[in-house]
Structure formats: structure tokens, C-alpha cells
Amino acid sequence: MAAPMIPPDHAPAFLAAHGWGDARILPLAGDASFRRYFRVVGERRQAVLMDAPPPHEDPRPFIAVAEWLCEQGMSAPAILARDLAQVDAGDIVFDTEGLLALPRETRRRLLVAALMWIGGAHYPPRRAELSGLLDALSDGRKATLAGCLLVPGGGQCRLMREFAAVQELTGDPGQPWDRRWHLEGPAVEGGEIRALGPEGLAQCPGWRDTGRPRDTLLARRVRRTIIALNLPVRSLS
């Protein structure tokens, strides 16, 4: 049975991280597989986006064949970007080896797009500041920039919201928090939206079961009055 022709939730962030943030995503005819195809239409350029969700699909054979054909001077679709980045709980997680294999300028552009998507800034950081972040990435060091935190490890580097940038930020239920989060659920009188923080995380003994870093969860949004109920951390993600 063919998969529904609806773009995956992380598609806009994936495209933005690869310089296609202003493009429209239009469905294309699919086939009898779990793969989904979409036409990506920018101002003066077009491309095809293929979503091949694991474990049902493995795009690596397609990539290997396309690259081999190009190496032999034959005609094959050019791969503009592969899934070097994934969105997880609002973080952008890069494959470190794949990211470092790219030219430095390409890495810079990807990090700029990711920083602006996570932090909500209207303008990119200065080149000198970005140079420091790129150096930290190459050295495998933690680094902060534009209200975001870069954490390398385990073959990945995770770019997330920095807790220090949102620790004093509060919001009312039903209103956007940190310009991009909307909390859905029953209204609680006197409720307040804020980052989870160390005290809130201490009330979630099962937070390690999420498989996400502590730094990620510290900056996650939560309704403050619910924390006292000691709900499972999965209800807060």
C-alpha cells in the first residue's frame, strides 16, 4: 500500500538546514512502497525530495548507485543533500562525519540555517562567531552561540536551545512559547509555560528513558503546575 503523500513533520526543517527554507513542498506520484516523493519548488530552482523512512526503506543503495554513475561520467540525479540532519524534540541532530566531510562554507550555511530555526533570530550571527562554532565542531567541543548549544558525541552533534537563553521566559497556555512552541492539552487555572530546568527535571526520574541528553530536556517547555504531579517525562516532550 502506498504511503500517504503528506510531507514528514521534519521536512521543512530538513530543507531549511540545506538552504531550501523558502521552498514549497508539492506531492508527486508515488509507488507501491513506503517511499514518498515531493517536488521542492524554490524561487528559481526545483528539486525532488524523497522520504524513505527506516526500517522499511534504506536509501543508501540509491545514493551509492547515483554517486557511482556520476563518477563514471554518466547521467544520474545529483544528490543535493542527504539526511545529515534530523529533527528530534526541537533539536537538529547532525551526523558528525557527514557534516565534517562537507566544505567549510557549506557547514557554515547549514549551521546558520539551524541556528536561526532553533533560536528564531531574523539575522545570522557574525562570521567571526560562526568561525568559533565551526572550530568547536571540528574539535568535538561543546559551544554556545545565538542562544543555542552545540553538543557533540556518539557520532552526532546536536544543536539545541540553550537553557540559559530561555530560563526566565514564561508564557500563558495557548500562546506561543519561545516563538515556536504550542502546548496542547487541558487548561489548568494559573498554569504557566516555562523551560523545564534542573528543578523540573529532578521531578522526572524517568527522563533518561527518553534517550535524549540532559541539556535538551532542560530547555524543553512545560506547564509549570503540571510538574508537581510528577508525570512521566514522555508527557512533557
C-alpha atoms as a PDB file:
ATOM      1  CA  MET A   1       0.000   0.000   0.000  1.00  0.00           C
ATOM      2  CA  ALA A   2       1.435   3.362  -0.982  1.00  0.00           C
ATOM      3  CA  ALA A   3       2.285   5.831   1.776  1.00  0.00           C
ATOM      4  CA  PRO A   4       0.095   8.951   2.117  1.00  0.00           C
ATOM      5  CA  MET A   5       1.517  11.875   0.181  1.00  0.00           C
ATOM      6  CA  ILE A   6       1.950  14.150   3.182  1.00  0.00           C
ATOM      7  CA  PRO A   7       5.406  15.589   3.884  1.00  0.00           C
ATOM      8  CA  PRO A   8       7.025  14.323   7.093  1.00  0.00           C
ATOM      9  CA  ASP A   9       6.919  16.737  10.011  1.00  0.00           C
ATOM     10  CA  HIS A  10      10.668  17.347   9.862  1.00  0.00           C
ATOM     11  CA  ALA A  11      10.723  18.111   6.115  1.00  0.00           C
ATOM     12  CA  PRO A  12      10.615  21.939   6.465  1.00  0.00           C
ATOM     13  CA  ALA A  13      13.477  21.914   8.970  1.00  0.00           C
ATOM     14  CA  PHE A  14      15.482  19.488   6.831  1.00  0.00           C
ATOM     15  CA  LEU A  15      15.052  21.705   3.772  1.00  0.00           C
ATOM     16  CA  ALA A  16      15.843  24.849   5.755  1.00  0.00           C
ATOM     17  CA  ALA A  17      19.035  23.260   7.078  1.00  0.00           C
ATOM     18  CA  HIS A  18      20.119  22.667   3.479  1.00  0.00           C
ATOM     19  CA  GLY A  19      19.295  26.104   2.124  1.00  0.00           C
ATOM     20  CA  TRP A  20      15.757  25.432   0.838  1.00  0.00           C
ATOM     21  CA  GLY A  21      13.809  27.067   3.645  1.00  0.00           C
ATOM     22  CA  ASP A  22      11.758  29.253   1.278  1.00  0.00           C
ATOM     23  CA  ALA A  23      10.663  26.390  -0.979  1.00  0.00           C
ATOM     24  CA  ARG A  24       7.186  24.915  -1.380  1.00  0.00           C
ATOM     25  CA  ILE A  25       6.685  21.164  -0.945  1.00  0.00           C
ATOM     26  CA  LEU A  26       4.328  19.632  -3.515  1.00  0.00           C
ATOM     27  CA  PRO A  27       3.347  15.933  -3.741  1.00  0.00           C
ATOM     28  CA  LEU A  28       4.483  13.710  -6.595  1.00  0.00           C
ATOM     29  CA  ALA A  29       3.051  10.373  -7.684  1.00  0.00           C
ATOM     30  CA  GLY A  30       4.330   7.559  -5.504  1.00  0.00           C
ATOM     31  CA  ASP A  31       4.834   3.849  -5.970  1.00  0.00           C
ATOM     32  CA  ALA A  32       3.903   0.676  -4.095  1.00  0.00           C
ATOM     33  CA  SER A  33       6.454   1.223  -1.344  1.00  0.00           C
ATOM     34  CA  PHE A  34       6.937   3.207   1.829  1.00  0.00           C
ATOM     35  CA  ARG A  35       8.901   5.852  -0.083  1.00  0.00           C
ATOM     36  CA  ARG A  36       7.300   9.230  -0.675  1.00  0.00           C
ATOM     37  CA  TYR A  37       8.313  11.782  -3.278  1.00  0.00           C
ATOM     38  CA  PHE A  38       7.751  15.537  -3.275  1.00  0.00           C
ATOM     39  CA  ARG A  39       8.624  18.331  -5.652  1.00  0.00           C
ATOM     40  CA  VAL A  40      10.511  21.111  -3.890  1.00  0.00           C
ATOM     41  CA  VAL A  41       9.947  24.431  -5.652  1.00  0.00           C
ATOM     42  CA  GLY A  42      12.119  27.442  -4.851  1.00  0.00           C
ATOM     43  CA  GLU A  43      12.094  30.872  -6.430  1.00  0.00           C
ATOM     44  CA  ARG A  44      14.267  29.854  -9.397  1.00  0.00           C
ATOM     45  CA  ARG A  45      15.057  26.192  -8.812  1.00  0.00           C
ATOM     46  CA  GLN A  46      13.376  22.850  -8.301  1.00  0.00           C
ATOM     47  CA  ALA A  47      14.356  19.529  -6.779  1.00  0.00           C
ATOM     48  CA  VAL A  48      12.806  16.242  -5.692  1.00  0.00           C
ATOM     49  CA  LEU A  49      12.616  15.257  -2.040  1.00  0.00           C
ATOM     50  CA  MET A  50      12.462  11.534  -1.251  1.00  0.00           C
ATOM     51  CA  ASP A  51      11.348  10.358   2.173  1.00  0.00           C
ATOM     52  CA  ALA A  52      12.466   6.768   2.792  1.00  0.00           C
ATOM     53  CA  PRO A  53      11.581   6.024   6.426  1.00  0.00           C
ATOM     54  CA  PRO A  54      13.517   3.290   8.241  1.00  0.00           C
ATOM     55  CA  PRO A  55      13.239   0.430   8.915  1.00  0.00           C
ATOM     56  CA  HIS A  56      11.025  -0.072   5.853  1.00  0.00           C
ATOM     57  CA  GLU A  57      13.368   1.689   3.427  1.00  0.00           C
ATOM     58  CA  ASP A  58      17.127   2.169   3.112  1.00  0.00           C
ATOM     59  CA  PRO A  59      18.158   4.956   0.697  1.00  0.00           C
ATOM     60  CA  ARG A  60      21.870   4.141   0.840  1.00  0.00           C
ATOM     61  CA  PRO A  61      21.819   1.836  -2.226  1.00  0.00           C
ATOM     62  CA  PHE A  62      20.128   4.607  -4.267  1.00  0.00           C
ATOM     63  CA  ILE A  63      22.769   7.101  -3.135  1.00  0.00           C
ATOM     64  CA  ALA A  64      25.650   4.715  -3.856  1.00  0.00           C
ATOM     65  CA  VAL A  65      24.393   3.940  -7.373  1.00  0.00           C
ATOM     66  CA  ALA A  66      23.795   7.622  -8.190  1.00  0.00           C
ATOM     67  CA  GLU A  67      27.260   8.588  -6.968  1.00  0.00           C
ATOM     68  CA  TRP A  68      28.893   5.739  -8.897  1.00  0.00           C
ATOM     69  CA  LEU A  69      27.104   6.721 -12.122  1.00  0.00           C
ATOM     70  CA  CYS A  70      28.238  10.327 -11.711  1.00  0.00           C
ATOM     71  CA  GLU A  71      31.819   9.183 -11.086  1.00  0.00           C
ATOM     72  CA  GLN A  72      31.697   7.251 -14.364  1.00  0.00           C
ATOM     73  CA  GLY A  73      30.561  10.351 -16.226  1.00  0.00           C
ATOM     74  CA  MET A  74      27.038   9.058 -16.737  1.00  0.00           C
ATOM     75  CA  SER A  75      23.794  10.918 -16.267  1.00  0.00           C
ATOM     76  CA  ALA A  76      22.196  10.473 -12.849  1.00  0.00           C
ATOM     77  CA  PRO A  77      20.228  12.653 -10.437  1.00  0.00           C
ATOM     78  CA  ALA A  78      22.559  14.884  -8.455  1.00  0.00           C
ATOM     79  CA  ILE A  79      22.120  14.426  -4.720  1.00  0.00           C
ATOM     80  CA  LEU A  80      21.903  17.945  -3.322  1.00  0.00           C
ATOM     81  CA  ALA A  81      21.576  16.871   0.314  1.00  0.00           C
ATOM     82  CA  ARG A  82      21.127  13.678   2.233  1.00  0.00           C
ATOM     83  CA  ASP A  83      19.781  13.170   5.708  1.00  0.00           C
ATOM     84  CA  LEU A  84      22.753  14.631   7.518  1.00  0.00           C
ATOM     85  CA  ALA A  85      20.265  16.306   9.823  1.00  0.00           C
ATOM     86  CA  GLN A  86      17.239  15.090  11.718  1.00  0.00           C
ATOM     87  CA  VAL A  87      14.838  16.964  13.961  1.00  0.00           C
ATOM     88  CA  ASP A  88      14.380  15.481  17.419  1.00  0.00           C
ATOM     89  CA  ALA A  89      12.328  17.215  20.114  1.00  0.00           C
ATOM     90  CA  GLY A  90      13.080  20.568  18.554  1.00  0.00           C
ATOM     91  CA  ASP A  91      16.821  19.914  18.276  1.00  0.00           C
ATOM     92  CA  ILE A  92      18.650  19.447  14.992  1.00  0.00           C
ATOM     93  CA  VAL A  93      20.905  16.393  15.120  1.00  0.00           C
ATOM     94  CA  PHE A  94      23.684  16.203  12.534  1.00  0.00           C
ATOM     95  CA  ASP A  95      25.729  13.205  11.502  1.00  0.00           C
ATOM     96  CA  THR A  96      29.180  14.448  12.532  1.00  0.00           C
ATOM     97  CA  GLU A  97      31.209  12.519   9.978  1.00  0.00           C
ATOM     98  CA  GLY A  98      28.950  13.554   7.121  1.00  0.00           C
ATOM     99  CA  LEU A  99      28.882  17.165   8.241  1.00  0.00           C
ATOM    100  CA  LEU A 100      32.655  17.401   8.587  1.00  0.00           C
ATOM    101  CA  ALA A 101      33.058  15.879   5.116  1.00  0.00           C
ATOM    102  CA  LEU A 102      31.361  18.929   3.610  1.00  0.00           C
ATOM    103  CA  PRO A 103      33.269  22.070   2.621  1.00  0.00           C
ATOM    104  CA  ARG A 104      33.607  24.533   5.500  1.00  0.00           C
ATOM    105  CA  GLU A 105      31.387  27.109   3.771  1.00  0.00           C
ATOM    106  CA  THR A 106      28.624  24.523   3.342  1.00  0.00           C
ATOM    107  CA  ARG A 107      28.918  23.606   7.004  1.00  0.00           C
ATOM    108  CA  ARG A 108      28.665  27.272   7.906  1.00  0.00           C
ATOM    109  CA  ARG A 109      25.473  27.716   5.893  1.00  0.00           C
ATOM    110  CA  LEU A 110      23.885  24.626   7.413  1.00  0.00           C
ATOM    111  CA  LEU A 111      24.683  25.779  10.939  1.00  0.00           C
ATOM    112  CA  VAL A 112      23.368  29.279  10.198  1.00  0.00           C
ATOM    113  CA  ALA A 113      20.044  27.862   8.991  1.00  0.00           C
ATOM    114  CA  ALA A 114      19.820  25.545  12.018  1.00  0.00           C
ATOM    115  CA  LEU A 115      20.673  28.323  14.492  1.00  0.00           C
ATOM    116  CA  MET A 116      18.048  30.641  13.024  1.00  0.00           C
ATOM    117  CA  TRP A 117      15.407  27.895  13.008  1.00  0.00           C
ATOM    118  CA  ILE A 118      16.027  26.914  16.631  1.00  0.00           C
ATOM    119  CA  GLY A 119      16.653  30.355  18.077  1.00  0.00           C
ATOM    120  CA  GLY A 120      14.171  32.270  15.941  1.00  0.00           C
ATOM    121  CA  ALA A 121      16.654  35.014  15.035  1.00  0.00           C
ATOM    122  CA  HIS A 122      15.967  37.154  11.992  1.00  0.00           C
ATOM    123  CA  TYR A 123      19.643  37.656  11.189  1.00  0.00           C
ATOM    124  CA  PRO A 124      22.547  35.205  11.212  1.00  0.00           C
ATOM    125  CA  PRO A 125      25.407  35.520  13.725  1.00  0.00           C
ATOM    126  CA  ARG A 126      28.578  37.293  12.677  1.00  0.00           C
ATOM    127  CA  ARG A 127      31.143  35.311  10.704  1.00  0.00           C
ATOM    128  CA  ALA A 128      33.746  35.527  13.472  1.00  0.00           C
ATOM    129  CA  GLU A 129      31.313  33.972  15.949  1.00  0.00           C
ATOM    130  CA  LEU A 130      30.358  31.284  13.448  1.00  0.00           C
ATOM    131  CA  SER A 131      34.026  30.521  12.880  1.00  0.00           C
ATOM    132  CA  GLY A 132      34.359  29.690  16.565  1.00  0.00           C
ATOM    133  CA  LEU A 133      31.361  27.359  16.366  1.00  0.00           C
ATOM    134  CA  LEU A 134      32.811  25.618  13.317  1.00  0.00           C
ATOM    135  CA  ASP A 135      36.119  25.156  15.149  1.00  0.00           C
ATOM    136  CA  ALA A 136      34.314  23.651  18.139  1.00  0.00           C
ATOM    137  CA  LEU A 137      32.509  21.262  15.795  1.00  0.00           C
ATOM    138  CA  SER A 138      35.830  20.144  14.271  1.00  0.00           C
ATOM    139  CA  ASP A 139      37.412  19.745  17.710  1.00  0.00           C
ATOM    140  CA  GLY A 140      34.452  17.872  19.197  1.00  0.00           C
ATOM    141  CA  ARG A 141      33.825  20.539  21.848  1.00  0.00           C
ATOM    142  CA  LYS A 142      30.635  21.984  23.294  1.00  0.00           C
ATOM    143  CA  ALA A 143      29.914  25.543  22.226  1.00  0.00           C
ATOM    144  CA  THR A 144      27.158  28.139  22.528  1.00  0.00           C
ATOM    145  CA  LEU A 145      26.016  30.730  20.019  1.00  0.00           C
ATOM    146  CA  ALA A 146      22.871  32.786  19.420  1.00  0.00           C
ATOM    147  CA  GLY A 147      21.007  31.180  22.306  1.00  0.00           C
ATOM    148  CA  CYS A 148      21.803  27.684  21.088  1.00  0.00           C
ATOM    149  CA  LEU A 149      24.081  24.943  22.390  1.00  0.00           C
ATOM    150  CA  LEU A 150      26.154  22.560  20.262  1.00  0.00           C
ATOM    151  CA  VAL A 151      26.824  19.194  21.923  1.00  0.00           C
ATOM    152  CA  PRO A 152      28.961  16.593  20.078  1.00  0.00           C
ATOM    153  CA  GLY A 153      29.170  12.918  20.950  1.00  0.00           C
ATOM    154  CA  GLY A 154      28.361   9.424  19.752  1.00  0.00           C
ATOM    155  CA  GLY A 155      28.987  10.212  16.100  1.00  0.00           C
ATOM    156  CA  GLN A 156      26.454  13.027  16.200  1.00  0.00           C
ATOM    157  CA  CYS A 157      26.405  16.703  17.039  1.00  0.00           C
ATOM    158  CA  ARG A 158      23.190  18.048  18.479  1.00  0.00           C
ATOM    159  CA  LEU A 159      22.227  21.696  18.145  1.00  0.00           C
ATOM    160  CA  MET A 160      19.630  22.647  20.740  1.00  0.00           C
ATOM    161  CA  ARG A 161      18.125  25.622  22.539  1.00  0.00           C
ATOM    162  CA  GLU A 162      20.387  26.783  25.340  1.00  0.00           C
ATOM    163  CA  PHE A 163      18.685  26.684  28.746  1.00  0.00           C
ATOM    164  CA  ALA A 164      20.286  29.982  29.789  1.00  0.00           C
ATOM    165  CA  ALA A 165      18.511  31.681  26.862  1.00  0.00           C
ATOM    166  CA  VAL A 166      15.018  30.629  27.987  1.00  0.00           C
ATOM    167  CA  GLN A 167      15.248  30.031  31.733  1.00  0.00           C
ATOM    168  CA  GLU A 168      13.384  33.280  32.520  1.00  0.00           C
ATOM    169  CA  LEU A 169      10.982  33.015  29.591  1.00  0.00           C
ATOM    170  CA  THR A 170       7.353  32.395  30.573  1.00  0.00           C
ATOM    171  CA  GLY A 171       4.105  32.208  28.660  1.00  0.00           C
ATOM    172  CA  ASP A 172       0.411  31.615  29.034  1.00  0.00           C
ATOM    173  CA  PRO A 173      -1.175  28.303  27.976  1.00  0.00           C
ATOM    174  CA  GLY A 174      -2.471  28.524  24.424  1.00  0.00           C
ATOM    175  CA  GLN A 175       0.101  31.152  23.455  1.00  0.00           C
ATOM    176  CA  PRO A 176       3.376  30.503  21.590  1.00  0.00           C
ATOM    177  CA  TRP A 177       6.366  29.954  23.854  1.00  0.00           C
ATOM    178  CA  ASP A 178       9.820  30.865  22.592  1.00  0.00           C
ATOM    179  CA  ARG A 179       8.106  31.867  19.303  1.00  0.00           C
ATOM    180  CA  ARG A 180       7.696  28.290  18.037  1.00  0.00           C
ATOM    181  CA  TRP A 181       6.199  26.014  20.689  1.00  0.00           C
ATOM    182  CA  HIS A 182       2.496  25.437  21.285  1.00  0.00           C
ATOM    183  CA  LEU A 183       1.435  23.318  24.256  1.00  0.00           C
ATOM    184  CA  GLU A 184      -1.815  21.424  23.734  1.00  0.00           C
ATOM    185  CA  GLY A 185      -3.924  19.858  26.454  1.00  0.00           C
ATOM    186  CA  PRO A 186      -6.498  20.644  29.125  1.00  0.00           C
ATOM    187  CA  ALA A 187      -6.389  24.133  30.575  1.00  0.00           C
ATOM    188  CA  VAL A 188      -5.065  24.464  34.126  1.00  0.00           C
ATOM    189  CA  GLU A 189      -6.027  27.546  36.095  1.00  0.00           C
ATOM    190  CA  GLY A 190      -2.947  29.526  36.984  1.00  0.00           C
ATOM    191  CA  GLY A 191      -0.804  27.474  34.617  1.00  0.00           C
ATOM    192  CA  GLU A 192       2.417  28.900  33.254  1.00  0.00           C
ATOM    193  CA  ILE A 193       4.645  27.745  30.416  1.00  0.00           C
ATOM    194  CA  ARG A 194       8.396  27.792  31.034  1.00  0.00           C
ATOM    195  CA  ALA A 195      11.524  25.725  30.475  1.00  0.00           C
ATOM    196  CA  LEU A 196      11.777  22.528  32.488  1.00  0.00           C
ATOM    197  CA  GLY A 197      15.124  23.428  34.091  1.00  0.00           C
ATOM    198  CA  PRO A 198      17.128  21.442  36.680  1.00  0.00           C
ATOM    199  CA  GLU A 199      14.401  21.570  39.338  1.00  0.00           C
ATOM    200  CA  GLY A 200      11.726  20.353  36.967  1.00  0.00           C
ATOM    201  CA  LEU A 201      13.945  17.639  35.538  1.00  0.00           C
ATOM    202  CA  ALA A 202      14.650  16.394  39.074  1.00  0.00           C
ATOM    203  CA  GLN A 203      10.929  15.638  39.375  1.00  0.00           C
ATOM    204  CA  CYS A 204      11.069  13.370  36.312  1.00  0.00           C
ATOM    205  CA  PRO A 205      13.021  10.284  37.416  1.00  0.00           C
ATOM    206  CA  GLY A 206      12.461   8.556  34.086  1.00  0.00           C
ATOM    207  CA  TRP A 207      13.961  11.298  31.911  1.00  0.00           C
ATOM    208  CA  ARG A 208      16.878   9.072  30.854  1.00  0.00           C
ATOM    209  CA  ASP A 209      14.377   6.696  29.238  1.00  0.00           C
ATOM    210  CA  THR A 210      13.758   9.313  26.542  1.00  0.00           C
ATOM    211  CA  GLY A 211      17.266   8.731  25.199  1.00  0.00           C
ATOM    212  CA  ARG A 212      17.764  12.485  24.949  1.00  0.00           C
ATOM    213  CA  PRO A 213      20.590  14.483  26.533  1.00  0.00           C
ATOM    214  CA  ARG A 214      20.032  16.325  29.786  1.00  0.00           C
ATOM    215  CA  ASP A 215      20.834  19.635  28.067  1.00  0.00           C
ATOM    216  CA  THR A 216      17.990  19.031  25.602  1.00  0.00           C
ATOM    217  CA  LEU A 217      15.410  18.396  28.308  1.00  0.00           C
ATOM    218  CA  LEU A 218      16.431  21.361  30.456  1.00  0.00           C
ATOM    219  CA  ALA A 219      15.217  23.773  27.775  1.00  0.00           C
ATOM    220  CA  ARG A 220      12.030  21.861  26.937  1.00  0.00           C
ATOM    221  CA  ARG A 221       8.817  23.731  27.525  1.00  0.00           C
ATOM    222  CA  VAL A 222       6.369  22.502  30.161  1.00  0.00           C
ATOM    223  CA  ARG A 223       3.319  23.739  32.012  1.00  0.00           C
ATOM    224  CA  ARG A 224       4.673  24.605  35.420  1.00  0.00           C
ATOM    225  CA  THR A 225       1.681  23.500  37.514  1.00  0.00           C
ATOM    226  CA  ILE A 226       1.823  20.023  35.948  1.00  0.00           C
ATOM    227  CA  ILE A 227       5.366  19.439  37.138  1.00  0.00           C
ATOM    228  CA  ALA A 228       4.165  18.882  40.689  1.00  0.00           C
ATOM    229  CA  LEU A 229       2.115  15.897  39.517  1.00  0.00           C
ATOM    230  CA  ASN A 230       5.355  14.064  38.610  1.00  0.00           C
ATOM    231  CA  LEU A 231       4.056  12.935  35.229  1.00  0.00           C
ATOM    232  CA  PRO A 232       6.230  10.615  33.087  1.00  0.00           C
ATOM    233  CA  VAL A 233       8.718  12.624  31.111  1.00  0.00           C
ATOM    234  CA  ARG A 234       7.211  11.413  27.847  1.00  0.00           C
ATOM    235  CA  SER A 235       4.205  13.613  28.644  1.00  0.00           C
ATOM    236  CA  LEU A 236       6.487  16.620  28.701  1.00  0.00           C
ATOM    237  CA  SER A 237       8.293  16.092  25.398  1.00  0.00           C
END
